[in-house]
């Protein structure tokens, strides 16, 4: 079972969307939101395809270790798209 590392990665890559095919796309990057309570139960909170944040099993994602500059570029692209 994969677990998210202790560093709070801002972005995660979806590896498995079983049962959540409408909400998640495999091999897509999602923004992770902090939620200690969810994580204590093996879940993470991400902004899914609906544009809303929901909890999903953490083992369906892998954290992306991106530089702060790269995260800033992604943040800017997302804001521009809205």
C-alpha atoms as a PDB file:
ATOM      1  CA  UNK A   1       0.000   0.000   0.000  1.00  0.00           C
ATOM      2  CA  UNK A   2       1.352   3.391  -1.015  1.00  0.00           C
ATOM      3  CA  UNK A   3       1.340   6.147   1.549  1.00  0.00           C
ATOM      4  CA  UNK A   4       1.845   9.837   1.103  1.00  0.00           C
ATOM      5  CA  UNK A   5       5.133  11.067   2.463  1.00  0.00           C
ATOM      6  CA  UNK A   6       5.336  13.388   5.443  1.00  0.00           C
ATOM      7  CA  UNK A   7       6.094  16.414   3.261  1.00  0.00           C
ATOM      8  CA  UNK A   8       2.821  18.029   2.378  1.00  0.00           C
ATOM      9  CA  UNK A   9       2.936  17.765  -1.392  1.00  0.00           C
ATOM     10  CA  UNK A  10       0.601  20.328  -2.874  1.00  0.00           C
ATOM     11  CA  UNK A  11      -0.049  18.175  -5.938  1.00  0.00           C
ATOM     12  CA  UNK A  12      -0.692  14.465  -6.358  1.00  0.00           C
ATOM     13  CA  UNK A  13      -0.912  12.158  -9.361  1.00  0.00           C
ATOM     14  CA  UNK A  14      -3.950   9.882  -9.646  1.00  0.00           C
ATOM     15  CA  UNK A  15      -2.987   6.237 -10.166  1.00  0.00           C
ATOM     16  CA  UNK A  16      -6.377   4.550  -9.706  1.00  0.00           C
ATOM     17  CA  UNK A  17      -9.862   5.944 -10.252  1.00  0.00           C
ATOM     18  CA  UNK A  18     -11.832   2.720  -9.680  1.00  0.00           C
ATOM     19  CA  UNK A  19     -15.307   3.611  -8.482  1.00  0.00           C
ATOM     20  CA  UNK A  20     -14.646   7.303  -9.116  1.00  0.00           C
ATOM     21  CA  UNK A  21     -14.379   7.366 -12.917  1.00  0.00           C
ATOM     22  CA  UNK A  22     -16.442  10.562 -13.245  1.00  0.00           C
ATOM     23  CA  UNK A  23     -14.559  12.371 -10.483  1.00  0.00           C
ATOM     24  CA  UNK A  24     -10.956  11.374 -11.215  1.00  0.00           C
ATOM     25  CA  UNK A  25      -8.778  10.692 -14.246  1.00  0.00           C
ATOM     26  CA  UNK A  26      -5.829   8.312 -14.085  1.00  0.00           C
ATOM     27  CA  UNK A  27      -2.447   9.993 -14.742  1.00  0.00           C
ATOM     28  CA  UNK A  28      -3.889  13.447 -14.017  1.00  0.00           C
ATOM     29  CA  UNK A  29      -2.403  15.860 -11.486  1.00  0.00           C
ATOM     30  CA  UNK A  30      -4.745  17.079  -8.738  1.00  0.00           C
ATOM     31  CA  UNK A  31      -4.357  19.786  -6.141  1.00  0.00           C
ATOM     32  CA  UNK A  32      -4.191  18.375  -2.630  1.00  0.00           C
ATOM     33  CA  UNK A  33      -5.770  20.311   0.204  1.00  0.00           C
ATOM     34  CA  UNK A  34      -4.627  19.978   3.816  1.00  0.00           C
ATOM     35  CA  UNK A  35      -6.940  17.808   5.926  1.00  0.00           C
ATOM     36  CA  UNK A  36      -5.247  16.136   8.884  1.00  0.00           C
ATOM     37  CA  UNK A  37      -8.418  14.359   9.993  1.00  0.00           C
ATOM     38  CA  UNK A  38      -8.946  12.770   6.568  1.00  0.00           C
ATOM     39  CA  UNK A  39      -5.292  11.728   6.404  1.00  0.00           C
ATOM     40  CA  UNK A  40      -5.507  10.087   9.825  1.00  0.00           C
ATOM     41  CA  UNK A  41      -8.140   7.790   8.286  1.00  0.00           C
ATOM     42  CA  UNK A  42      -6.171   7.013   5.100  1.00  0.00           C
ATOM     43  CA  UNK A  43      -7.824   9.624   2.868  1.00  0.00           C
ATOM     44  CA  UNK A  44      -6.726  12.828   1.216  1.00  0.00           C
ATOM     45  CA  UNK A  45      -8.763  15.798   0.052  1.00  0.00           C
ATOM     46  CA  UNK A  46      -8.299  16.843  -3.575  1.00  0.00           C
ATOM     47  CA  UNK A  47     -10.062  19.135  -6.006  1.00  0.00           C
ATOM     48  CA  UNK A  48     -11.657  16.695  -8.432  1.00  0.00           C
ATOM     49  CA  UNK A  49     -13.153  16.987 -11.929  1.00  0.00           C
ATOM     50  CA  UNK A  50     -16.218  18.835 -10.584  1.00  0.00           C
ATOM     51  CA  UNK A  51     -13.965  21.623  -9.311  1.00  0.00           C
ATOM     52  CA  UNK A  52     -14.989  20.839  -5.740  1.00  0.00           C
ATOM     53  CA  UNK A  53     -12.895  19.268  -3.002  1.00  0.00           C
ATOM     54  CA  UNK A  54     -13.648  15.712  -1.914  1.00  0.00           C
ATOM     55  CA  UNK A  55     -11.933  12.983   0.059  1.00  0.00           C
ATOM     56  CA  UNK A  56     -10.543   9.936  -1.711  1.00  0.00           C
ATOM     57  CA  UNK A  57      -8.457   6.967  -0.522  1.00  0.00           C
ATOM     58  CA  UNK A  58      -4.849   8.152  -0.273  1.00  0.00           C
ATOM     59  CA  UNK A  59      -3.461   4.977  -1.820  1.00  0.00           C
ATOM     60  CA  UNK A  60      -4.967   5.995  -5.174  1.00  0.00           C
ATOM     61  CA  UNK A  61      -2.473   8.859  -5.472  1.00  0.00           C
ATOM     62  CA  UNK A  62       1.242   9.473  -5.355  1.00  0.00           C
ATOM     63  CA  UNK A  63       2.628  12.810  -4.135  1.00  0.00           C
ATOM     64  CA  UNK A  64       4.585  14.900  -6.614  1.00  0.00           C
ATOM     65  CA  UNK A  65       7.786  16.418  -5.308  1.00  0.00           C
ATOM     66  CA  UNK A  66       7.774  19.657  -7.284  1.00  0.00           C
ATOM     67  CA  UNK A  67       9.854  22.764  -6.765  1.00  0.00           C
ATOM     68  CA  UNK A  68       8.075  25.823  -5.405  1.00  0.00           C
ATOM     69  CA  UNK A  69       8.624  27.543  -8.760  1.00  0.00           C
ATOM     70  CA  UNK A  70       6.878  24.686 -10.578  1.00  0.00           C
ATOM     71  CA  UNK A  71       4.001  24.728  -8.084  1.00  0.00           C
ATOM     72  CA  UNK A  72       3.640  28.483  -8.622  1.00  0.00           C
ATOM     73  CA  UNK A  73       3.453  28.014 -12.404  1.00  0.00           C
ATOM     74  CA  UNK A  74       0.732  25.361 -11.995  1.00  0.00           C
ATOM     75  CA  UNK A  75      -1.197  27.581  -9.564  1.00  0.00           C
ATOM     76  CA  UNK A  76      -1.032  30.470 -12.022  1.00  0.00           C
ATOM     77  CA  UNK A  77      -2.204  28.286 -14.915  1.00  0.00           C
ATOM     78  CA  UNK A  78      -5.159  27.020 -12.894  1.00  0.00           C
ATOM     79  CA  UNK A  79      -6.195  30.543 -11.866  1.00  0.00           C
ATOM     80  CA  UNK A  80      -5.911  31.776 -15.444  1.00  0.00           C
ATOM     81  CA  UNK A  81      -8.112  28.910 -16.654  1.00  0.00           C
ATOM     82  CA  UNK A  82     -10.935  29.958 -14.280  1.00  0.00           C
END
